[in-house]
Amino acid sequence: MASLFKNALEQVGQSQKIDDDIIDRFNHRFTVIILVTFTAFVSAKQFIGDPISCWAPSHFSASQIAYTNSICWLKGTYYLDVYSHLIPHRTQNSEFRIAYYQYIPYILLIMALFFYLPHIVWRNISRRIGFDLRSIIQNVKQVLNTNMNQVALQIHIALVYNSSKYVVGDNKTRRRLFDILQSTRGHRCHLTLLYIFVKTLYMVNCLFQFYFLSAILSFPFHTFGIEWLSTIFRKVHSRVNTEPNESKWFPRVVMCDFMVRHLGSNQHWMAIQCNLPINLFNEIIFLILWAWYILLSSLTCVSLIFCLCLMYSNIGCTFIHKYLHMNSPKSSKEQCDNFIGNYLKWDGILVLRLIAHNTNDIIMANLVGALFKMYLDSNEKQNDQVRLNEHYERVDVSSD
């Protein structure tokens, strides 16, 4: 298990493998590291320490005490208010039954998997579209050892490949779907639509985590932090002597009912009081996760709205104009507009924006300048070819 945690941390913690923005990395990298770390901590407490300790009758032998601890850990317990003088019947104690603590490590791993799945979608499909963003950003960061023209050529090939693949595609259903999706602006935006879709997956996953934990823990997790803070506030300002560790959702003192069979038809039900010290850590862990999920959901929502605003406004192009002015101040406004609107389009703008998120202005100015020069050269070659074709047409007409 230790090697599994180590491999997981190595996969998500490699700072050089970057192909998205900081909010995406908060979701699929930092959150996964947090969840895997909590999983390792809880697993060590469960499998190495004593997660439960029950107060068995005095006549129980050592083996019977061990059995009591084991059966109460596996069977589950229920919460009983500290001021309650009556133990409810075993058929009436289901309101505050606690049966999640055995599965906390697996729950945390499932949550980590959900946070990592959108990144798998982004990574694999973006490469199939033609943009190996991780390789591009790595090459840009190694600009001292790599010619910037080679990086620009890599982006240029991806843009050309993406355009030509759309033009020559023989799947009419897929082409019609792309036409519908892009009818608002007329731009080819396969990578951009994928990016918005992945952002939406991150947002949906953040909201789903609250529902998932509410179903697993059997209480409304979205209000857990608020209720915890209000409880602490009441304890601080209350003059009544209450139990300092009392918690309805993560109780440390619980009750356990189990049956002891004897020969014949003798069956004895036992009601045992147990101590769950592991719930002290579980409460802190889920309190941290609640606060982090609230912050992460807000950041992801803002990031998604910001991306949509950039798509449907001209604000997203201003940073390219800035870099063009830094590297090619003599370029005309018409050339810049054609470079952005006819050459880069939405996918190219997104690629440059992601690179800008992970580099600096000097590198970006050189890269945009190299791309702009490549665009002018390509445009000039196309104009020469058009003039050459027109010349041949005039020759053919005159010969006839």
Protein backbone atom coordinates (compact mmCIF):
# COMPACT_ATOMS: atom_id res chain seq x y z
CA MET A 1 0.00 0.00 0.00
CA ALA A 2 2.89 2.33 0.74
CA SER A 3 4.24 1.83 -2.78
CA LEU A 4 0.77 2.55 -4.20
CA PHE A 5 0.59 5.88 -2.37
CA LYS A 6 4.14 6.71 -3.48
CA ASN A 7 3.38 6.02 -7.14
CA ALA A 8 0.17 8.04 -6.98
CA LEU A 9 1.97 11.03 -5.48
CA GLU A 10 4.70 10.78 -8.12
CA GLN A 11 2.14 10.75 -10.93
CA VAL A 12 0.21 13.82 -9.75
CA GLY A 13 3.08 15.72 -8.18
CA GLN A 14 5.40 16.20 -11.14
CA SER A 15 5.66 19.95 -11.50
CA GLN A 16 7.22 19.74 -14.97
CA LYS A 17 4.19 18.01 -16.52
CA ILE A 18 1.90 20.99 -17.05
CA ASP A 19 -0.76 21.41 -19.71
CA ASP A 20 -3.47 23.47 -17.96
CA ASP A 21 -3.94 26.42 -15.61
CA ILE A 22 -3.53 26.72 -11.83
CA ILE A 23 -7.25 26.15 -11.05
CA ASP A 24 -7.21 22.87 -12.96
CA ARG A 25 -4.11 21.80 -11.05
CA PHE A 26 -5.87 22.66 -7.78
CA ASN A 27 -8.46 20.06 -8.80
CA HIS A 28 -6.47 17.20 -10.25
CA ARG A 29 -3.11 17.64 -8.54
CA PHE A 30 -3.23 19.37 -5.15
CA THR A 31 -6.61 17.90 -4.16
CA VAL A 32 -5.48 14.40 -5.14
CA ILE A 33 -2.29 14.82 -3.11
CA ILE A 34 -4.34 15.96 -0.11
CA LEU A 35 -6.74 13.02 -0.40
CA VAL A 36 -3.98 10.44 -0.89
CA THR A 37 -2.10 11.87 2.11
CA PHE A 38 -5.23 11.62 4.27
CA THR A 39 -5.75 8.07 2.99
CA ALA A 40 -2.26 7.05 4.07
CA PHE A 41 -2.74 8.65 7.50
CA VAL A 42 -6.13 7.00 8.18
CA SER A 43 -4.93 3.65 6.84
CA ALA A 44 -1.93 3.70 9.16
CA LYS A 45 -4.22 4.42 12.09
CA GLN A 46 -6.61 1.62 11.12
CA PHE A 47 -4.16 -1.13 10.24
CA ILE A 48 -1.33 -0.33 12.64
CA GLY A 49 -2.99 1.26 15.69
CA ASP A 50 -6.19 0.47 17.59
CA PRO A 51 -9.06 2.28 15.85
CA ILE A 52 -11.65 1.15 18.44
CA SER A 53 -11.62 0.22 22.12
CA CYS A 54 -14.74 -1.20 23.80
CA TRP A 55 -15.53 -1.33 27.51
CA ALA A 56 -16.28 -5.03 27.94
CA PRO A 57 -17.70 -6.61 31.10
CA SER A 58 -15.16 -7.59 33.72
CA HIS A 59 -15.75 -11.33 33.25
CA PHE A 60 -14.73 -11.19 29.58
CA SER A 61 -11.47 -12.92 28.76
CA ALA A 62 -8.77 -11.37 26.56
CA SER A 63 -10.04 -13.24 23.49
CA GLN A 64 -13.62 -12.11 24.20
CA ILE A 65 -12.47 -8.49 24.52
CA ALA A 66 -10.62 -8.78 21.21
CA TYR A 67 -13.75 -10.27 19.63
CA THR A 68 -15.87 -7.44 21.03
CA ASN A 69 -13.55 -4.81 19.53
CA SER A 70 -13.52 -6.64 16.20
CA ILE A 71 -17.27 -7.21 15.90
CA CYS A 72 -18.10 -3.62 16.89
CA TRP A 73 -15.59 -2.30 14.37
CA LEU A 74 -16.99 -4.44 11.56
CA LYS A 75 -20.68 -4.33 12.47
CA GLY A 76 -20.92 -0.59 13.09
CA THR A 77 -21.97 1.51 16.04
CA TYR A 78 -24.51 4.20 16.83
CA TYR A 79 -24.39 7.53 18.60
CA LEU A 80 -26.12 7.98 21.97
CA ASP A 81 -26.41 11.43 23.49
CA VAL A 82 -24.28 11.83 26.59
CA TYR A 83 -27.28 13.03 28.61
CA SER A 84 -29.50 10.13 27.55
CA HIS A 85 -30.21 7.78 30.47
CA LEU A 86 -31.92 5.06 28.43
CA ILE A 87 -30.30 2.79 25.87
CA PRO A 88 -32.69 2.41 22.92
CA HIS A 89 -33.75 -0.99 21.70
CA ARG A 90 -31.54 -2.43 18.98
CA THR A 91 -34.34 -1.97 16.43
CA GLN A 92 -34.67 1.75 17.26
CA ASN A 93 -31.07 2.96 17.08
CA SER A 94 -30.79 3.44 13.32
CA GLU A 95 -31.19 7.24 13.35
CA PHE A 96 -27.57 7.93 14.26
CA ARG A 97 -26.01 4.66 13.12
CA ILE A 98 -22.35 5.05 12.17
CA ALA A 99 -21.08 2.60 9.59
CA TYR A 100 -18.66 4.66 7.49
CA TYR A 101 -15.44 4.74 9.49
CA GLN A 102 -14.29 1.31 8.28
CA TYR A 103 -14.36 2.55 4.68
CA ILE A 104 -12.81 6.01 5.07
CA PRO A 105 -9.56 5.11 3.18
CA TYR A 106 -11.54 3.72 0.25
CA ILE A 107 -13.92 6.68 0.24
CA LEU A 108 -10.97 9.08 0.07
CA LEU A 109 -9.40 7.13 -2.80
CA ILE A 110 -12.68 7.17 -4.75
CA MET A 111 -12.89 10.92 -4.23
CA ALA A 112 -9.31 11.32 -5.49
CA LEU A 113 -10.18 9.27 -8.59
CA PHE A 114 -13.15 11.53 -9.38
CA PHE A 115 -10.89 14.58 -9.15
CA TYR A 116 -8.32 13.04 -11.48
CA LEU A 117 -10.73 11.75 -14.16
CA PRO A 118 -11.34 15.15 -15.88
CA HIS A 119 -7.59 15.57 -16.33
CA ILE A 120 -7.39 12.15 -18.00
CA VAL A 121 -10.13 13.27 -20.40
CA TRP A 122 -8.31 16.55 -21.13
CA ARG A 123 -4.92 14.90 -21.55
CA ASN A 124 -5.99 12.08 -23.89
CA ILE A 125 -8.52 13.89 -26.09
CA SER A 126 -6.36 17.02 -26.54
CA ARG A 127 -3.58 14.80 -27.90
CA ARG A 128 -6.01 13.10 -30.28
CA ILE A 129 -7.14 16.52 -31.52
CA GLY A 130 -3.50 17.29 -32.33
CA PHE A 131 -2.27 19.49 -29.47
CA ASP A 132 0.33 17.88 -27.22
CA LEU A 133 0.28 20.80 -24.77
CA ARG A 134 2.50 19.09 -22.22
CA SER A 135 5.27 18.65 -24.78
CA ILE A 136 4.83 22.21 -26.08
CA ILE A 137 5.04 23.79 -22.63
CA GLN A 138 8.04 21.65 -21.69
CA ASN A 139 9.85 22.75 -24.85
CA VAL A 140 9.00 26.40 -24.18
CA LYS A 141 10.38 26.14 -20.65
CA GLN A 142 13.60 24.71 -22.08
CA VAL A 143 13.90 27.63 -24.48
CA LEU A 144 17.59 28.08 -23.62
CA ASN A 145 18.27 24.67 -25.14
CA THR A 146 15.58 24.75 -27.83
CA ASN A 147 15.13 27.03 -30.80
CA MET A 148 11.93 29.05 -30.36
CA ASN A 149 11.17 28.54 -34.06
CA GLN A 150 10.90 24.79 -33.41
CA VAL A 151 8.28 25.39 -30.71
CA ALA A 152 6.41 27.75 -33.04
CA LEU A 153 6.60 25.11 -35.77
CA GLN A 154 5.15 22.53 -33.38
CA ILE A 155 2.16 24.80 -32.70
CA HIS A 156 1.85 25.65 -36.40
CA ILE A 157 1.71 21.96 -37.36
CA ALA A 158 -0.95 21.34 -34.70
CA LEU A 159 -3.09 24.22 -36.01
CA VAL A 160 -2.73 23.08 -39.63
CA TYR A 161 -3.40 19.45 -38.71
CA ASN A 162 -6.50 20.39 -36.76
CA SER A 163 -7.82 22.49 -39.65
CA SER A 164 -7.07 19.94 -42.34
CA LYS A 165 -8.55 17.12 -40.27
CA TYR A 166 -11.78 19.09 -40.04
CA VAL A 167 -11.81 19.80 -43.77
CA VAL A 168 -11.09 16.27 -45.04
CA GLY A 169 -13.09 14.40 -42.41
CA ASP A 170 -15.53 12.01 -44.03
CA ASN A 171 -17.77 11.52 -41.01
CA LYS A 172 -20.82 13.60 -41.92
CA THR A 173 -22.43 13.23 -38.49
CA ARG A 174 -19.32 14.48 -36.72
CA ARG A 175 -18.89 17.32 -39.21
CA ARG A 176 -22.52 18.37 -38.75
CA LEU A 177 -22.07 18.29 -34.96
CA PHE A 178 -18.98 20.50 -35.21
CA ASP A 179 -20.88 22.89 -37.50
CA ILE A 180 -23.67 23.20 -34.94
CA LEU A 181 -21.27 23.73 -32.05
CA GLN A 182 -19.31 26.39 -33.91
CA SER A 183 -22.15 28.19 -35.66
CA THR A 184 -22.13 31.07 -33.15
CA ARG A 185 -18.78 32.46 -34.24
CA GLY A 186 -17.69 30.44 -37.25
CA HIS A 187 -14.35 29.51 -35.68
CA ARG A 188 -12.90 26.05 -35.45
CA CYS A 189 -12.62 25.48 -31.72
CA HIS A 190 -12.27 21.76 -31.02
CA LEU A 191 -9.69 22.23 -28.27
CA THR A 192 -11.54 25.20 -26.77
CA LEU A 193 -14.81 23.29 -26.56
CA LEU A 194 -12.97 20.40 -24.93
CA TYR A 195 -11.39 22.81 -22.45
CA ILE A 196 -14.77 24.27 -21.49
CA PHE A 197 -16.18 20.76 -21.19
CA VAL A 198 -13.37 19.70 -18.85
CA LYS A 199 -13.83 22.88 -16.79
CA THR A 200 -17.50 21.97 -16.50
CA LEU A 201 -16.53 18.46 -15.39
CA TYR A 202 -14.36 19.94 -12.63
CA MET A 203 -17.28 22.12 -11.51
CA VAL A 204 -19.77 19.25 -11.57
CA ASN A 205 -17.33 17.04 -9.69
CA CYS A 206 -16.91 19.64 -6.92
CA LEU A 207 -20.68 19.79 -6.45
CA PHE A 208 -21.00 16.02 -6.71
CA GLN A 209 -18.47 15.58 -3.88
CA PHE A 210 -20.86 17.29 -1.45
CA TYR A 211 -23.73 15.01 -2.51
CA PHE A 212 -21.48 11.93 -2.39
CA LEU A 213 -20.23 12.64 1.11
CA SER A 214 -23.72 13.51 2.33
CA ALA A 215 -24.94 10.11 1.13
CA ILE A 216 -21.97 8.22 2.58
CA LEU A 217 -21.78 10.01 5.94
CA SER A 218 -25.58 10.20 6.35
CA PHE A 219 -25.69 13.91 7.16
CA PRO A 220 -25.74 17.11 5.04
CA PHE A 221 -22.04 17.60 4.38
CA HIS A 222 -22.50 21.02 2.74
CA THR A 223 -23.51 22.48 6.13
CA PHE A 224 -21.04 20.45 8.19
CA GLY A 225 -18.47 23.23 8.62
CA ILE A 226 -21.09 25.83 9.54
CA GLU A 227 -22.64 23.53 12.15
CA TRP A 228 -19.21 22.68 13.53
CA LEU A 229 -18.29 26.35 13.89
CA SER A 230 -21.63 27.18 15.50
CA THR A 231 -21.17 24.32 17.97
CA ILE A 232 -17.70 25.56 18.91
CA PHE A 233 -19.07 29.09 19.27
CA ARG A 234 -21.81 27.91 21.62
CA LYS A 235 -19.35 25.92 23.72
CA VAL A 236 -17.03 28.90 24.06
CA HIS A 237 -19.79 31.29 25.12
CA SER A 238 -21.93 28.84 27.10
CA ARG A 239 -21.68 28.63 30.85
CA VAL A 240 -23.18 25.13 30.93
CA ASN A 241 -20.67 22.35 31.39
CA THR A 242 -20.90 20.21 28.27
CA GLU A 243 -18.79 17.42 26.89
CA PRO A 244 -15.87 19.03 24.99
CA ASN A 245 -15.58 16.18 22.51
CA GLU A 246 -19.29 15.64 21.88
CA SER A 247 -20.04 15.25 18.20
CA LYS A 248 -23.15 13.78 16.68
CA TRP A 249 -21.59 13.11 13.26
CA PHE A 250 -18.08 12.05 14.32
CA PRO A 251 -18.62 10.81 17.89
CA ARG A 252 -15.74 9.48 19.93
CA VAL A 253 -17.98 7.61 22.40
CA VAL A 254 -20.50 5.25 20.77
CA MET A 255 -22.67 2.25 21.54
CA CYS A 256 -22.51 -1.21 19.96
CA ASP A 257 -25.12 -3.99 20.00
CA PHE A 258 -24.16 -7.56 19.18
CA MET A 259 -25.47 -11.02 19.92
CA VAL A 260 -23.63 -13.81 21.76
CA ARG A 261 -24.83 -17.31 20.96
CA HIS A 262 -24.62 -20.22 23.40
CA LEU A 263 -25.53 -23.87 23.04
CA GLY A 264 -29.19 -24.47 22.45
CA SER A 265 -31.45 -21.52 21.85
CA ASN A 266 -29.73 -19.21 24.31
CA GLN A 267 -29.04 -15.85 22.64
CA HIS A 268 -27.82 -12.85 24.58
CA TRP A 269 -27.73 -9.34 23.17
CA MET A 270 -24.96 -7.16 24.52
CA ALA A 271 -24.97 -3.33 24.57
CA ILE A 272 -21.36 -2.19 24.86
CA GLN A 273 -19.92 1.31 25.07
CA CYS A 274 -16.94 1.88 22.79
CA ASN A 275 -14.39 4.57 22.12
CA LEU A 276 -13.54 5.62 18.55
CA PRO A 277 -10.36 7.73 18.76
CA ILE A 278 -10.02 7.54 14.97
CA ASN A 279 -13.10 9.77 14.66
CA LEU A 280 -11.09 12.61 16.17
CA PHE A 281 -8.89 12.50 13.06
CA ASN A 282 -11.82 11.83 10.73
CA GLU A 283 -13.59 14.95 11.96
CA ILE A 284 -10.51 17.11 11.37
CA ILE A 285 -9.93 15.55 7.95
CA PHE A 286 -13.48 16.14 6.72
CA LEU A 287 -13.54 19.62 8.21
CA ILE A 288 -10.42 20.47 6.19
CA LEU A 289 -11.99 18.89 3.10
CA TRP A 290 -15.21 20.89 3.62
CA ALA A 291 -13.30 24.18 3.76
CA TRP A 292 -11.13 23.20 0.77
CA TYR A 293 -14.15 22.08 -1.28
CA ILE A 294 -15.94 25.37 -0.63
CA LEU A 295 -12.88 27.33 -1.77
CA LEU A 296 -12.21 25.01 -4.72
CA SER A 297 -15.82 25.13 -5.92
CA SER A 298 -15.76 28.93 -5.86
CA LEU A 299 -12.45 29.13 -7.73
CA THR A 300 -13.56 26.57 -10.31
CA CYS A 301 -16.85 28.40 -10.89
CA VAL A 302 -15.04 31.72 -11.36
CA SER A 303 -12.54 30.07 -13.71
CA LEU A 304 -15.33 28.55 -15.82
CA ILE A 305 -17.20 31.86 -16.08
CA PHE A 306 -13.95 33.65 -16.93
CA CYS A 307 -13.21 31.19 -19.75
CA LEU A 308 -16.71 31.62 -21.19
CA CYS A 309 -16.35 35.40 -21.07
CA LEU A 310 -13.02 35.20 -22.90
CA MET A 311 -14.58 33.04 -25.62
CA TYR A 312 -17.49 35.36 -26.33
CA SER A 313 -15.63 38.67 -26.10
CA ASN A 314 -12.56 40.34 -27.53
CA ILE A 315 -10.83 40.49 -24.14
CA GLY A 316 -9.13 37.17 -24.82
CA CYS A 317 -7.15 38.66 -27.72
CA THR A 318 -5.65 41.64 -25.89
CA PHE A 319 -2.71 39.67 -24.48
CA ILE A 320 -1.70 38.57 -27.99
CA HIS A 321 -1.78 42.18 -29.19
CA LYS A 322 0.48 43.05 -26.26
CA TYR A 323 3.06 40.41 -27.21
CA LEU A 324 2.87 41.34 -30.90
CA HIS A 325 3.55 44.96 -29.97
CA MET A 326 6.53 43.87 -27.86
CA ASN A 327 8.08 41.72 -30.62
CA SER A 328 6.73 43.20 -33.86
CA PRO A 329 5.88 46.85 -33.20
CA LYS A 330 5.83 47.70 -36.94
CA SER A 331 3.10 45.19 -37.80
CA SER A 332 -0.16 46.71 -38.99
CA LYS A 333 -3.47 46.31 -37.21
CA GLU A 334 -4.91 44.42 -40.18
CA GLN A 335 -2.06 41.91 -40.07
CA CYS A 336 -2.54 41.40 -36.33
CA ASP A 337 -6.29 40.94 -36.68
CA ASN A 338 -5.85 38.44 -39.52
CA PHE A 339 -3.20 36.60 -37.51
CA ILE A 340 -5.57 36.21 -34.58
CA GLY A 341 -8.86 35.71 -36.43
CA ASN A 342 -7.80 33.67 -39.46
CA TYR A 343 -4.71 31.84 -38.23
CA LEU A 344 -4.81 31.29 -34.47
CA LYS A 345 -8.57 31.27 -33.94
CA TRP A 346 -9.94 30.02 -30.63
CA ASP A 347 -7.69 26.97 -30.35
CA GLY A 348 -4.51 28.90 -31.03
CA ILE A 349 -5.51 31.64 -28.58
CA LEU A 350 -6.19 29.00 -25.91
CA VAL A 351 -2.83 27.30 -26.48
CA LEU A 352 -0.99 30.61 -26.15
CA ARG A 353 -2.99 31.52 -23.05
CA LEU A 354 -2.10 28.23 -21.35
CA ILE A 355 1.54 28.73 -22.26
CA ALA A 356 1.38 32.28 -20.86
CA HIS A 357 -0.02 30.91 -17.59
CA ASN A 358 3.10 28.77 -17.17
CA THR A 359 5.89 31.00 -18.55
CA ASN A 360 6.84 34.69 -18.55
CA ASP A 361 6.33 37.69 -20.86
CA ILE A 362 9.77 37.50 -22.49
CA ILE A 363 9.29 33.91 -23.60
CA MET A 364 5.76 34.64 -24.76
CA ALA A 365 6.84 37.68 -26.79
CA ASN A 366 9.48 35.59 -28.58
CA LEU A 367 7.05 32.73 -29.19
CA VAL A 368 4.25 34.96 -30.53
CA GLY A 369 6.79 36.79 -32.67
CA ALA A 370 8.04 33.50 -34.14
CA LEU A 371 4.47 32.37 -34.83
CA PHE A 372 3.63 35.72 -36.41
CA LYS A 373 6.67 35.50 -38.71
CA MET A 374 5.70 31.95 -39.64
CA TYR A 375 2.18 33.15 -40.42
CA LEU A 376 3.48 35.98 -42.65
CA ASP A 377 5.80 33.59 -44.51
CA SER A 378 3.00 31.06 -44.99
CA ASN A 379 0.63 33.80 -46.14
CA GLU A 380 3.25 35.09 -48.58
CA LYS A 381 3.74 31.61 -50.02
CA GLN A 382 0.01 31.25 -50.49
CA ASN A 383 -0.15 34.63 -52.26
CA ASP A 384 2.75 33.62 -54.52
CA GLN A 385 0.96 30.37 -55.35
CA VAL A 386 -2.24 32.25 -56.13
CA ARG A 387 -0.38 34.69 -58.42
CA LEU A 388 1.37 31.75 -60.10
CA ASN A 389 -1.94 29.98 -60.73
CA GLU A 390 -3.45 33.17 -62.13
CA HIS A 391 -0.43 33.52 -64.43
CA TYR A 392 -0.87 29.97 -65.75
CA GLU A 393 -4.58 30.59 -66.29
CA ARG A 394 -3.82 33.71 -68.37
CA VAL A 395 -1.27 31.76 -70.39
CA ASP A 396 -3.78 29.00 -71.06
CA VAL A 397 -6.42 31.50 -72.12
CA SER A 398 -4.07 33.35 -74.44
CA SER A 399 -2.88 30.09 -76.03
CA ASP A 400 -6.47 29.12 -76.77
